[in-house]
PDB file of N, CA and C in Angstrom:
ATOM      1  N   MET A   1     -25.764  30.900  29.898  1.00  0.00           N
ATOM      2  CA  MET A   1     -24.603  30.642  30.671  1.00  0.00           C
ATOM      3  C   MET A   1     -23.647  31.818  30.572  1.00  0.00           C
ATOM      4  N   PRO A   2     -23.440  32.512  31.645  1.00  0.00           N
ATOM      5  CA  PRO A   2     -22.547  33.665  31.629  1.00  0.00           C
ATOM      6  C   PRO A   2     -21.084  33.231  31.552  1.00  0.00           C
ATOM      7  N   VAL A   3     -20.318  34.034  30.833  1.00  0.00           N
ATOM      8  CA  VAL A   3     -18.892  33.752  30.660  1.00  0.00           C
ATOM      9  C   VAL A   3     -18.139  34.429  31.786  1.00  0.00           C
ATOM     10  N   ASP A   4     -17.312  33.685  32.412  1.00  0.00           N
ATOM     11  CA  ASP A   4     -16.503  34.235  33.493  1.00  0.00           C
ATOM     12  C   ASP A   4     -15.345  35.014  32.867  1.00  0.00           C
ATOM     13  N   ARG A   5     -15.374  36.313  33.008  1.00  0.00           N
ATOM     14  CA  ARG A   5     -14.363  37.160  32.358  1.00  0.00           C
ATOM     15  C   ARG A   5     -12.986  36.952  32.950  1.00  0.00           C
ATOM     16  N   GLU A   6     -12.894  36.683  34.182  1.00  0.00           N
ATOM     17  CA  GLU A   6     -11.595  36.492  34.812  1.00  0.00           C
ATOM     18  C   GLU A   6     -10.937  35.215  34.317  1.00  0.00           C
ATOM     19  N   SER A   7     -11.675  34.162  34.208  1.00  0.00           N
ATOM     20  CA  SER A   7     -11.087  32.912  33.729  1.00  0.00           C
ATOM     21  C   SER A   7     -10.785  32.997  32.228  1.00  0.00           C
ATOM     22  N   PHE A   8     -11.603  33.765  31.485  1.00  0.00           N
ATOM     23  CA  PHE A   8     -11.333  33.953  30.052  1.00  0.00           C
ATOM     24  C   PHE A   8     -10.030  34.721  29.847  1.00  0.00           C
ATOM     25  N   GLY A   9      -9.792  35.756  30.643  1.00  0.00           N
ATOM     26  CA  GLY A   9      -8.553  36.545  30.567  1.00  0.00           C
ATOM     27  C   GLY A   9      -7.341  35.699  30.896  1.00  0.00           C
ATOM     28  N   ARG A  10      -7.465  34.839  31.913  1.00  0.00           N
ATOM     29  CA  ARG A  10      -6.346  33.968  32.285  1.00  0.00           C
ATOM     30  C   ARG A  10      -6.052  32.967  31.177  1.00  0.00           C
ATOM     31  N   ALA A  11      -7.112  32.411  30.609  1.00  0.00           N
ATOM     32  CA  ALA A  11      -6.926  31.440  29.529  1.00  0.00           C
ATOM     33  C   ALA A  11      -6.273  32.103  28.318  1.00  0.00           C
ATOM     34  N   LEU A  12      -6.668  33.321  28.018  1.00  0.00           N
ATOM     35  CA  LEU A  12      -6.082  34.049  26.885  1.00  0.00           C
ATOM     36  C   LEU A  12      -4.615  34.341  27.149  1.00  0.00           C
ATOM     37  N   LYS A  13      -4.282  34.798  28.349  1.00  0.00           N
ATOM     38  CA  LYS A  13      -2.878  35.058  28.698  1.00  0.00           C
ATOM     39  C   LYS A  13      -2.053  33.783  28.601  1.00  0.00           C
ATOM     40  N   ARG A  14      -2.606  32.681  29.092  1.00  0.00           N
ATOM     41  CA  ARG A  14      -1.892  31.402  29.048  1.00  0.00           C
ATOM     42  C   ARG A  14      -1.624  30.982  27.597  1.00  0.00           C
ATOM     43  N   ARG A  15      -2.617  31.154  26.737  1.00  0.00           N
ATOM     44  CA  ARG A  15      -2.440  30.771  25.329  1.00  0.00           C
ATOM     45  C   ARG A  15      -1.432  31.684  24.627  1.00  0.00           C
ATOM     46  N   VAL A  16      -1.479  32.993  24.946  1.00  0.00           N
ATOM     47  CA  VAL A  16      -0.524  33.927  24.336  1.00  0.00           C
ATOM     48  C   VAL A  16       0.888  33.594  24.804  1.00  0.00           C
ATOM     49  N   LYS A  17       1.060  33.308  26.090  1.00  0.00           N
ATOM     50  CA  LYS A  17       2.383  32.958  26.619  1.00  0.00           C
ATOM     51  C   LYS A  17       2.899  31.671  25.999  1.00  0.00           C
ATOM     52  N   SER A  18       2.026  30.723  25.769  1.00  0.00           N
ATOM     53  CA  SER A  18       2.476  29.461  25.180  1.00  0.00           C
ATOM     54  C   SER A  18       2.740  29.605  23.678  1.00  0.00           C
ATOM     55  N   ALA A  19       2.147  30.624  23.032  1.00  0.00           N
ATOM     56  CA  ALA A  19       2.351  30.821  21.594  1.00  0.00           C
ATOM     57  C   ALA A  19       3.558  31.703  21.296  1.00  0.00           C
ATOM     58  N   LEU A  20       4.048  32.465  22.263  1.00  0.00           N
ATOM     59  CA  LEU A  20       5.162  33.383  22.019  1.00  0.00           C
ATOM     60  C   LEU A  20       6.459  32.676  21.610  1.00  0.00           C
ATOM     61  N   PRO A  21       6.928  31.647  22.267  1.00  0.00           N
ATOM     62  CA  PRO A  21       8.188  31.024  21.828  1.00  0.00           C
ATOM     63  C   PRO A  21       8.134  30.470  20.397  1.00  0.00           C
ATOM     64  N   PRO A  22       7.086  29.736  19.994  1.00  0.00           N
ATOM     65  CA  PRO A  22       7.070  29.291  18.596  1.00  0.00           C
ATOM     66  C   PRO A  22       6.985  30.448  17.601  1.00  0.00           C
ATOM     67  N   LEU A  23       6.216  31.490  17.943  1.00  0.00           N
ATOM     68  CA  LEU A  23       6.142  32.650  17.051  1.00  0.00           C
ATOM     69  C   LEU A  23       7.488  33.374  16.963  1.00  0.00           C
ATOM     70  N   GLY A  24       8.179  33.499  18.066  1.00  0.00           N
ATOM     71  CA  GLY A  24       9.511  34.112  18.057  1.00  0.00           C
ATOM     72  C   GLY A  24      10.491  33.293  17.227  1.00  0.00           C
ATOM     73  N   PHE A  25      10.437  31.975  17.388  1.00  0.00           N
ATOM     74  CA  PHE A  25      11.308  31.103  16.607  1.00  0.00           C
ATOM     75  C   PHE A  25      10.982  31.192  15.110  1.00  0.00           C
ATOM     76  N   ALA A  26       9.691  31.247  14.788  1.00  0.00           N
ATOM     77  CA  ALA A  26       9.283  31.382  13.379  1.00  0.00           C
ATOM     78  C   ALA A  26       9.751  32.720  12.810  1.00  0.00           C
ATOM     79  N   ALA A  27       9.657  33.788  13.592  1.00  0.00           N
ATOM     80  CA  ALA A  27      10.120  35.098  13.139  1.00  0.00           C
ATOM     81  C   ALA A  27      11.637  35.093  12.919  1.00  0.00           C
ATOM     82  N   LEU A  28      12.367  34.447  13.816  1.00  0.00           N
ATOM     83  CA  LEU A  28      13.821  34.341  13.675  1.00  0.00           C
ATOM     84  C   LEU A  28      14.194  33.538  12.423  1.00  0.00           C
ATOM     85  N   CYS A  29      13.495  32.450  12.180  1.00  0.00           N
ATOM     86  CA  CYS A  29      13.730  31.644  10.972  1.00  0.00           C
ATOM     87  C   CYS A  29      13.418  32.446   9.712  1.00  0.00           C
ATOM     88  N   ALA A  30      12.335  33.207   9.741  1.00  0.00           N
ATOM     89  CA  ALA A  30      11.972  34.034   8.583  1.00  0.00           C
ATOM     90  C   ALA A  30      13.031  35.107   8.335  1.00  0.00           C
ATOM     91  N   TYR A  31      13.561  35.676   9.400  1.00  0.00           N
ATOM     92  CA  TYR A  31      14.616  36.692   9.271  1.00  0.00           C
ATOM     93  C   TYR A  31      15.838  36.117   8.564  1.00  0.00           C
ATOM     94  N   PHE A  32      16.299  34.964   9.040  1.00  0.00           N
ATOM     95  CA  PHE A  32      17.491  34.347   8.435  1.00  0.00           C
ATOM     96  C   PHE A  32      17.209  33.844   7.025  1.00  0.00           C
ATOM     97  N   ALA A  33      16.000  33.345   6.785  1.00  0.00           N
ATOM     98  CA  ALA A  33      15.655  32.889   5.431  1.00  0.00           C
ATOM     99  C   ALA A  33      15.641  34.060   4.457  1.00  0.00           C
ATOM    100  N   TRP A  34      15.106  35.192   4.855  1.00  0.00           N
ATOM    101  CA  TRP A  34      15.074  36.359   3.977  1.00  0.00           C
ATOM    102  C   TRP A  34      16.485  36.831   3.675  1.00  0.00           C
ATOM    103  N   HIS A  35      17.325  36.903   4.697  1.00  0.00           N
ATOM    104  CA  HIS A  35      18.702  37.369   4.498  1.00  0.00           C
ATOM    105  C   HIS A  35      19.547  36.365   3.719  1.00  0.00           C
ATOM    106  N   SER A  36      19.213  35.096   3.774  1.00  0.00           N
ATOM    107  CA  SER A  36      19.980  34.124   2.991  1.00  0.00           C
ATOM    108  C   SER A  36      19.695  34.274   1.494  1.00  0.00           C
ATOM    109  N   VAL A  37      18.596  34.902   1.143  1.00  0.00           N
ATOM    110  CA  VAL A  37      18.283  35.141  -0.271  1.00  0.00           C
ATOM    111  C   VAL A  37      18.634  36.567  -0.665  1.00  0.00           C
ATOM    112  N   HIS A  38      18.219  37.558   0.117  1.00  0.00           N
ATOM    113  CA  HIS A  38      18.327  38.963  -0.271  1.00  0.00           C
ATOM    114  C   HIS A  38      19.469  39.710   0.396  1.00  0.00           C
ATOM    115  N   GLY A  39      20.180  39.123   1.314  1.00  0.00           N
ATOM    116  CA  GLY A  39      21.222  39.828   2.056  1.00  0.00           C
ATOM    117  C   GLY A  39      22.468  40.080   1.225  1.00  0.00           C
ATOM    118  N   ASP A  40      23.460  40.712   1.857  1.00  0.00           N
ATOM    119  CA  ASP A  40      24.715  41.030   1.182  1.00  0.00           C
ATOM    120  C   ASP A  40      25.466  39.780   0.731  1.00  0.00           C
ATOM    121  N   PHE A  41      25.299  38.688   1.430  1.00  0.00           N
ATOM    122  CA  PHE A  41      25.961  37.440   1.070  1.00  0.00           C
ATOM    123  C   PHE A  41      24.963  36.364   0.663  1.00  0.00           C
ATOM    124  N   GLY A  42      23.772  36.775   0.251  1.00  0.00           N
ATOM    125  CA  GLY A  42      22.717  35.846  -0.128  1.00  0.00           C
ATOM    126  C   GLY A  42      22.882  35.323  -1.540  1.00  0.00           C
ATOM    127  N   THR A  43      21.909  34.528  -1.970  1.00  0.00           N
ATOM    128  CA  THR A  43      22.001  33.879  -3.272  1.00  0.00           C
ATOM    129  C   THR A  43      21.895  34.875  -4.422  1.00  0.00           C
ATOM    130  N   ILE A  44      21.123  35.929  -4.260  1.00  0.00           N
ATOM    131  CA  ILE A  44      21.022  36.936  -5.317  1.00  0.00           C
ATOM    132  C   ILE A  44      22.356  37.660  -5.477  1.00  0.00           C
ATOM    133  N   ALA A  45      22.970  38.044  -4.367  1.00  0.00           N
ATOM    134  CA  ALA A  45      24.273  38.713  -4.423  1.00  0.00           C
ATOM    135  C   ALA A  45      25.337  37.767  -4.981  1.00  0.00           C
ATOM    136  N   ARG A  46      25.234  36.478  -4.664  1.00  0.00           N
ATOM    137  CA  ARG A  46      26.199  35.493  -5.183  1.00  0.00           C
ATOM    138  C   ARG A  46      26.094  35.399  -6.696  1.00  0.00           C
ATOM    139  N   GLU A  47      24.882  35.363  -7.226  1.00  0.00           N
ATOM    140  CA  GLU A  47      24.698  35.304  -8.677  1.00  0.00           C
ATOM    141  C   GLU A  47      25.260  36.562  -9.345  1.00  0.00           C
ATOM    142  N   LYS A  48      25.060  37.711  -8.717  1.00  0.00           N
ATOM    143  CA  LYS A  48      25.596  38.964  -9.261  1.00  0.00           C
ATOM    144  C   LYS A  48      27.119  38.914  -9.282  1.00  0.00           C
ATOM    145  N   ARG A  49      27.714  38.413  -8.213  1.00  0.00           N
ATOM    146  CA  ARG A  49      29.174  38.301  -8.164  1.00  0.00           C
ATOM    147  C   ARG A  49      29.690  37.341  -9.222  1.00  0.00           C
ATOM    148  N   LEU A  50      28.993  36.235  -9.430  1.00  0.00           N
ATOM    149  CA  LEU A  50      29.411  35.283 -10.461  1.00  0.00           C
ATOM    150  C   LEU A  50      29.329  35.915 -11.852  1.00  0.00           C
ATOM    151  N   GLN A  51      28.317  36.735 -12.101  1.00  0.00           N
ATOM    152  CA  GLN A  51      28.228  37.442 -13.380  1.00  0.00           C
ATOM    153  C   GLN A  51      29.373  38.435 -13.533  1.00  0.00           C
ATOM    154  N   ASP A  52      29.691  39.141 -12.451  1.00  0.00           N
ATOM    155  CA  ASP A  52      30.804  40.087 -12.491  1.00  0.00           C
ATOM    156  C   ASP A  52      32.125  39.363 -12.756  1.00  0.00           C
ATOM    157  N   ILE A  53      32.305  38.207 -12.141  1.00  0.00           N
ATOM    158  CA  ILE A  53      33.532  37.424 -12.348  1.00  0.00           C
ATOM    159  C   ILE A  53      33.616  36.947 -13.788  1.00  0.00           C
ATOM    160  N   ALA A  54      32.508  36.486 -14.344  1.00  0.00           N
ATOM    161  CA  ALA A  54      32.508  36.032 -15.743  1.00  0.00           C
ATOM    162  C   ALA A  54      32.842  37.183 -16.689  1.00  0.00           C
ATOM    163  N   ALA A  55      32.281  38.369 -16.429  1.00  0.00           N
ATOM    164  CA  ALA A  55      32.585  39.530 -17.265  1.00  0.00           C
ATOM    165  C   ALA A  55      34.054  39.923 -17.137  1.00  0.00           C
ATOM    166  N   ALA A  56      34.583  39.876 -15.920  1.00  0.00           N
ATOM    167  CA  ALA A  56      35.990  40.215 -15.708  1.00  0.00           C
ATOM    168  C   ALA A  56      36.906  39.199 -16.393  1.00  0.00           C
ATOM    169  N   LYS A  57      36.529  37.921 -16.373  1.00  0.00           N
ATOM    170  CA  LYS A  57      37.335  36.911 -17.061  1.00  0.00           C
ATOM    171  C   LYS A  57      37.325  37.123 -18.565  1.00  0.00           C
ATOM    172  N   ALA A  58      36.189  37.548 -19.109  1.00  0.00           N
ATOM    173  CA  ALA A  58      36.120  37.828 -20.551  1.00  0.00           C
ATOM    174  C   ALA A  58      37.019  39.010 -20.910  1.00  0.00           C
ATOM    175  N   VAL A  59      36.994  40.047 -20.084  1.00  0.00           N
ATOM    176  CA  VAL A  59      37.861  41.203 -20.320  1.00  0.00           C
ATOM    177  C   VAL A  59      39.324  40.786 -20.195  1.00  0.00           C
ATOM    178  N   LEU A  60      39.624  39.962 -19.201  1.00  0.00           N
ATOM    179  CA  LEU A  60      40.988  39.487 -19.006  1.00  0.00           C
ATOM    180  C   LEU A  60      41.470  38.695 -20.221  1.00  0.00           C
ATOM    181  N   ALA A  61      40.628  37.821 -20.750  1.00  0.00           N
ATOM    182  CA  ALA A  61      41.015  37.028 -21.919  1.00  0.00           C
ATOM    183  C   ALA A  61      41.277  37.928 -23.122  1.00  0.00           C
ATOM    184  N   ARG A  62      40.430  38.940 -23.314  1.00  0.00           N
ATOM    185  CA  ARG A  62      40.621  39.864 -24.439  1.00  0.00           C
ATOM    186  C   ARG A  62      41.919  40.649 -24.285  1.00  0.00           C
ATOM    187  N   VAL A  63      42.182  41.140 -23.077  1.00  0.00           N
ATOM    188  CA  VAL A  63      43.393  41.933 -22.836  1.00  0.00           C
ATOM    189  C   VAL A  63      44.638  41.057 -22.958  1.00  0.00           C
ATOM    190  N   GLU A  64      44.558  39.813 -22.481  1.00  0.00           N
ATOM    191  CA  GLU A  64      45.706  38.915 -22.626  1.00  0.00           C
ATOM    192  C   GLU A  64      45.982  38.606 -24.092  1.00  0.00           C
ATOM    193  N   ALA A  65      44.941  38.477 -24.899  1.00  0.00           N
ATOM    194  CA  ALA A  65      45.134  38.244 -26.333  1.00  0.00           C
ATOM    195  C   ALA A  65      45.803  39.459 -26.980  1.00  0.00           C
ATOM    196  N   GLU A  66      45.378  40.667 -26.595  1.00  0.00           N
ATOM    197  CA  GLU A  66      46.020  41.877 -27.111  1.00  0.00           C
ATOM    198  C   GLU A  66      47.484  41.930 -26.690  1.00  0.00           C
ATOM    199  N   ARG A  67      47.750  41.600 -25.425  1.00  0.00           N
ATOM    200  CA  ARG A  67      49.123  41.612 -24.926  1.00  0.00           C
ATOM    201  C   ARG A  67      49.983  40.604 -25.674  1.00  0.00           C
ATOM    202  N   ASP A  68      49.448  39.402 -25.902  1.00  0.00           N
ATOM    203  CA  ASP A  68      50.196  38.378 -26.630  1.00  0.00           C
ATOM    204  C   ASP A  68      50.507  38.831 -28.054  1.00  0.00           C
ATOM    205  N   ALA A  69      49.537  39.499 -28.698  1.00  0.00           N
ATOM    206  CA  ALA A  69      49.771  40.000 -30.053  1.00  0.00           C
ATOM    207  C   ALA A  69      50.864  41.067 -30.052  1.00  0.00           C
ATOM    208  N   MET A  70      50.836  41.941 -29.046  1.00  0.00           N
ATOM    209  CA  MET A  70      51.874  42.976 -28.951  1.00  0.00           C
ATOM    210  C   MET A  70      53.233  42.363 -28.666  1.00  0.00           C
ATOM    211  N   GLU A  71      53.270  41.376 -27.763  1.00  0.00           N
ATOM    212  CA  GLU A  71      54.538  40.711 -27.455  1.00  0.00           C
ATOM    213  C   GLU A  71      55.105  40.014 -28.678  1.00  0.00           C
ATOM    214  N   LYS A  72      54.243  39.399 -29.454  1.00  0.00           N
ATOM    215  CA  LYS A  72      54.695  38.721 -30.672  1.00  0.00           C
ATOM    216  C   LYS A  72      55.268  39.742 -31.655  1.00  0.00           C
ATOM    217  N   ARG A  73      54.586  40.881 -31.750  1.00  0.00           N
ATOM    218  CA  ARG A  73      55.055  41.926 -32.666  1.00  0.00           C
ATOM    219  C   ARG A  73      56.387  42.501 -32.193  1.00  0.00           C
ATOM    220  N   VAL A  74      56.532  42.724 -30.910  1.00  0.00           N
ATOM    221  CA  VAL A  74      57.771  43.291 -30.365  1.00  0.00           C
ATOM    222  C   VAL A  74      58.907  42.272 -30.408  1.00  0.00           C
ATOM    223  N   SER A  75      58.581  41.007 -30.211  1.00  0.00           N
ATOM    224  CA  SER A  75      59.646  39.996 -30.206  1.00  0.00           C
ATOM    225  C   SER A  75      60.328  39.898 -31.574  1.00  0.00           C
ATOM    226  N   GLY A  76      59.646  40.296 -32.628  1.00  0.00           N
ATOM    227  CA  GLY A  76      60.268  40.303 -33.949  1.00  0.00           C
ATOM    228  C   GLY A  76      61.251  41.438 -34.126  1.00  0.00           C
ATOM    229  N   LEU A  77      61.266  42.398 -33.213  1.00  0.00           N
ATOM    230  CA  LEU A  77      62.158  43.549 -33.322  1.00  0.00           C
ATOM    231  C   LEU A  77      63.318  43.521 -32.339  1.00  0.00           C
ATOM    232  N   ARG A  78      63.400  42.498 -31.513  1.00  0.00           N
ATOM    233  CA  ARG A  78      64.517  42.439 -30.572  1.00  0.00           C
ATOM    234  C   ARG A  78      65.073  41.030 -30.507  1.00  0.00           C
ATOM    235  N   GLY A  79      66.234  40.934 -29.981  1.00  0.00           N
ATOM    236  CA  GLY A  79      66.863  39.628 -29.827  1.00  0.00           C
ATOM    237  C   GLY A  79      67.821  39.328 -30.975  1.00  0.00           C
ATOM    238  N   ASP A  80      68.247  38.089 -31.024  1.00  0.00           N
ATOM    239  CA  ASP A  80      69.211  37.670 -32.047  1.00  0.00           C
ATOM    240  C   ASP A  80      68.569  37.575 -33.416  1.00  0.00           C
ATOM    241  N   ARG A  81      67.329  37.138 -33.465  1.00  0.00           N
ATOM    242  CA  ARG A  81      66.648  36.971 -34.754  1.00  0.00           C
ATOM    243  C   ARG A  81      65.654  38.114 -34.947  1.00  0.00           C
ATOM    244  N   ILE A  82      66.020  39.088 -35.718  1.00  0.00           N
ATOM    245  CA  ILE A  82      65.149  40.224 -35.984  1.00  0.00           C
ATOM    246  C   ILE A  82      64.349  39.927 -37.243  1.00  0.00           C
ATOM    247  N   ASP A  83      63.050  40.137 -37.165  1.00  0.00           N
ATOM    248  CA  ASP A  83      62.185  39.954 -38.325  1.00  0.00           C
ATOM    249  C   ASP A  83      62.384  41.153 -39.252  1.00  0.00           C
ATOM    250  N   ARG A  84      62.936  40.924 -40.409  1.00  0.00           N
ATOM    251  CA  ARG A  84      63.282  42.012 -41.326  1.00  0.00           C
ATOM    252  C   ARG A  84      62.043  42.758 -41.824  1.00  0.00           C
ATOM    253  N   ASP A  85      60.971  42.042 -42.051  1.00  0.00           N
ATOM    254  CA  ASP A  85      59.756  42.713 -42.522  1.00  0.00           C
ATOM    255  C   ASP A  85      59.217  43.697 -41.488  1.00  0.00           C
ATOM    256  N   GLN A  86      59.189  43.277 -40.235  1.00  0.00           N
ATOM    257  CA  GLN A  86      58.703  44.181 -39.188  1.00  0.00           C
ATOM    258  C   GLN A  86      59.657  45.346 -38.993  1.00  0.00           C
ATOM    259  N   LEU A  87      60.940  45.083 -39.041  1.00  0.00           N
ATOM    260  CA  LEU A  87      61.920  46.155 -38.892  1.00  0.00           C
ATOM    261  C   LEU A  87      61.770  47.165 -40.031  1.00  0.00           C
ATOM    262  N   ASP A  88      61.610  46.665 -41.248  1.00  0.00           N
ATOM    263  CA  ASP A  88      61.429  47.545 -42.406  1.00  0.00           C
ATOM    264  C   ASP A  88      60.149  48.372 -42.268  1.00  0.00           C
ATOM    265  N   GLU A  89      59.084  47.718 -41.876  1.00  0.00           N
ATOM    266  CA  GLU A  89      57.807  48.420 -41.704  1.00  0.00           C
ATOM    267  C   GLU A  89      57.913  49.503 -40.638  1.00  0.00           C
ATOM    268  N   ARG A  90      58.530  49.181 -39.530  1.00  0.00           N
ATOM    269  CA  ARG A  90      58.652  50.142 -38.423  1.00  0.00           C
ATOM    270  C   ARG A  90      59.564  51.308 -38.812  1.00  0.00           C
ATOM    271  N   ALA A  91      60.649  51.024 -39.476  1.00  0.00           N
ATOM    272  CA  ALA A  91      61.570  52.085 -39.896  1.00  0.00           C
ATOM    273  C   ALA A  91      60.893  53.020 -40.896  1.00  0.00           C
ATOM    274  N   ARG A  92      60.166  52.459 -41.841  1.00  0.00           N
ATOM    275  CA  ARG A  92      59.469  53.293 -42.826  1.00  0.00           C
ATOM    276  C   ARG A  92      58.421  54.166 -42.147  1.00  0.00           C
ATOM    277  N   THR A  93      57.754  53.628 -41.174  1.00  0.00           N
ATOM    278  CA  THR A  93      56.729  54.401 -40.474  1.00  0.00           C
ATOM    279  C   THR A  93      57.353  55.540 -39.676  1.00  0.00           C
ATOM    280  N   LEU A  94      58.392  55.234 -38.913  1.00  0.00           N
ATOM    281  CA  LEU A  94      59.010  56.255 -38.065  1.00  0.00           C
ATOM    282  C   LEU A  94      59.733  57.314 -38.885  1.00  0.00           C
ATOM    283  N   LEU A  95      60.406  56.899 -39.957  1.00  0.00           N
ATOM    284  CA  LEU A  95      61.185  57.839 -40.763  1.00  0.00           C
ATOM    285  C   LEU A  95      60.373  58.462 -41.886  1.00  0.00           C
ATOM    286  N   ASN A  96      59.136  57.967 -42.067  1.00  0.00           N
ATOM    287  CA  ASN A  96      58.252  58.480 -43.101  1.00  0.00           C
ATOM    288  C   ASN A  96      58.893  58.341 -44.489  1.00  0.00           C
ATOM    289  N   LEU A  97      59.409  57.154 -44.766  1.00  0.00           N
ATOM    290  CA  LEU A  97      60.061  56.878 -46.048  1.00  0.00           C
ATOM    291  C   LEU A  97      59.288  55.815 -46.808  1.00  0.00           C
ATOM    292  N   VAL A  98      59.371  55.888 -48.149  1.00  0.00           N
ATOM    293  CA  VAL A  98      58.761  54.871 -49.005  1.00  0.00           C
ATOM    294  C   VAL A  98      59.723  54.559 -50.147  1.00  0.00           C
ATOM    295  N   GLY A  99      59.487  53.403 -50.762  1.00  0.00           N
ATOM    296  CA  GLY A  99      60.284  53.036 -51.928  1.00  0.00           C
ATOM    297  C   GLY A  99      59.731  53.699 -53.178  1.00  0.00           C
ATOM    298  N   LYS A 100      60.544  53.653 -54.281  1.00  0.00           N
ATOM    299  CA  LYS A 100      60.134  54.296 -55.531  1.00  0.00           C
ATOM    300  C   LYS A 100      58.916  53.601 -56.145  1.00  0.00           C
ATOM    301  N   ASP A 101      58.794  52.308 -55.984  1.00  0.00           N
ATOM    302  CA  ASP A 101      57.721  51.558 -56.629  1.00  0.00           C
ATOM    303  C   ASP A 101      56.529  51.290 -55.704  1.00  0.00           C
ATOM    304  N   GLU A 102      56.448  51.968 -54.578  1.00  0.00           N
ATOM    305  CA  GLU A 102      55.365  51.734 -53.624  1.00  0.00           C
ATOM    306  C   GLU A 102      54.281  52.801 -53.759  1.00  0.00           C
ATOM    307  N   ILE A 103      53.059  52.399 -53.441  1.00  0.00           N
ATOM    308  CA  ILE A 103      51.922  53.326 -53.434  1.00  0.00           C
ATOM    309  C   ILE A 103      51.603  53.651 -51.974  1.00  0.00           C
ATOM    310  N   VAL A 104      51.435  54.931 -51.680  1.00  0.00           N
ATOM    311  CA  VAL A 104      51.175  55.380 -50.316  1.00  0.00           C
ATOM    312  C   VAL A 104      49.695  55.750 -50.195  1.00  0.00           C
ATOM    313  N   ILE A 105      49.042  55.174 -49.207  1.00  0.00           N
ATOM    314  CA  ILE A 105      47.647  55.503 -48.908  1.00  0.00           C
ATOM    315  C   ILE A 105      47.638  56.166 -47.533  1.00  0.00           C
ATOM    316  N   PRO A 106      47.404  57.478 -47.481  1.00  0.00           N
ATOM    317  CA  PRO A 106      47.432  58.168 -46.176  1.00  0.00           C
ATOM    318  C   PRO A 106      46.204  57.842 -45.338  1.00  0.00           C
ATOM    319  N   TYR A 107      46.416  57.803 -44.045  1.00  0.00           N
ATOM    320  CA  TYR A 107      45.331  57.583 -43.096  1.00  0.00           C
ATOM    321  C   TYR A 107      45.026  58.885 -42.380  1.00  0.00           C
ATOM    322  N   GLU A 108      43.798  58.973 -41.893  1.00  0.00           N
ATOM    323  CA  GLU A 108      43.431  60.128 -41.092  1.00  0.00           C
ATOM    324  C   GLU A 108      44.204  60.088 -39.784  1.00  0.00           C
ATOM    325  N   PRO A 109      44.405  61.236 -39.126  1.00  0.00           N
ATOM    326  CA  PRO A 109      45.222  61.244 -37.907  1.00  0.00           C
ATOM    327  C   PRO A 109      44.715  60.298 -36.809  1.00  0.00           C
ATOM    328  N   GLY A 110      43.394  60.141 -36.679  1.00  0.00           N
ATOM    329  CA  GLY A 110      42.864  59.286 -35.624  1.00  0.00           C
ATOM    330  C   GLY A 110      42.796  57.833 -35.992  1.00  0.00           C
ATOM    331  N   LYS A 111      43.088  57.470 -37.232  1.00  0.00           N
ATOM    332  CA  LYS A 111      42.950  56.088 -37.694  1.00  0.00           C
ATOM    333  C   LYS A 111      44.295  55.525 -38.133  1.00  0.00           C
ATOM    334  N   ARG A 112      45.151  55.278 -37.197  1.00  0.00           N
ATOM    335  CA  ARG A 112      46.465  54.727 -37.489  1.00  0.00           C
ATOM    336  C   ARG A 112      46.416  53.206 -37.471  1.00  0.00           C
ATOM    337  N   LEU A 113      47.366  52.593 -38.119  1.00  0.00           N
ATOM    338  CA  LEU A 113      47.409  51.135 -38.168  1.00  0.00           C
ATOM    339  C   LEU A 113      47.896  50.517 -36.867  1.00  0.00           C
ATOM    340  N   PHE A 114      48.702  51.213 -36.118  1.00  0.00           N
ATOM    341  CA  PHE A 114      49.244  50.646 -34.876  1.00  0.00           C
ATOM    342  C   PHE A 114      49.038  51.605 -33.741  1.00  0.00           C
TER     343      PHE A 114
END
């Protein structure tokens, strides 16, 4: 039984034409699915941003703790109630003075207490 080439070509064209819309839709879905995971605003980028935010919050907490410690130290040197111990310590440091009964332990230039 010989195959009619003309009818085979028409049948192939008809099948290709009927398969193009679903294939195009599948390709479009695959495009958006890939970008929803790997794109600039995808889930991988979101996880990276969340890690960056967590790291920034940790740095912020550390810096705020340092700031609070400095504010506490400075608050003892100003206002109506001056902390005498801090004032004495600061004056001795700035004026390079010590008492007769005190022992002085020098620090290296790069290793200061404050």
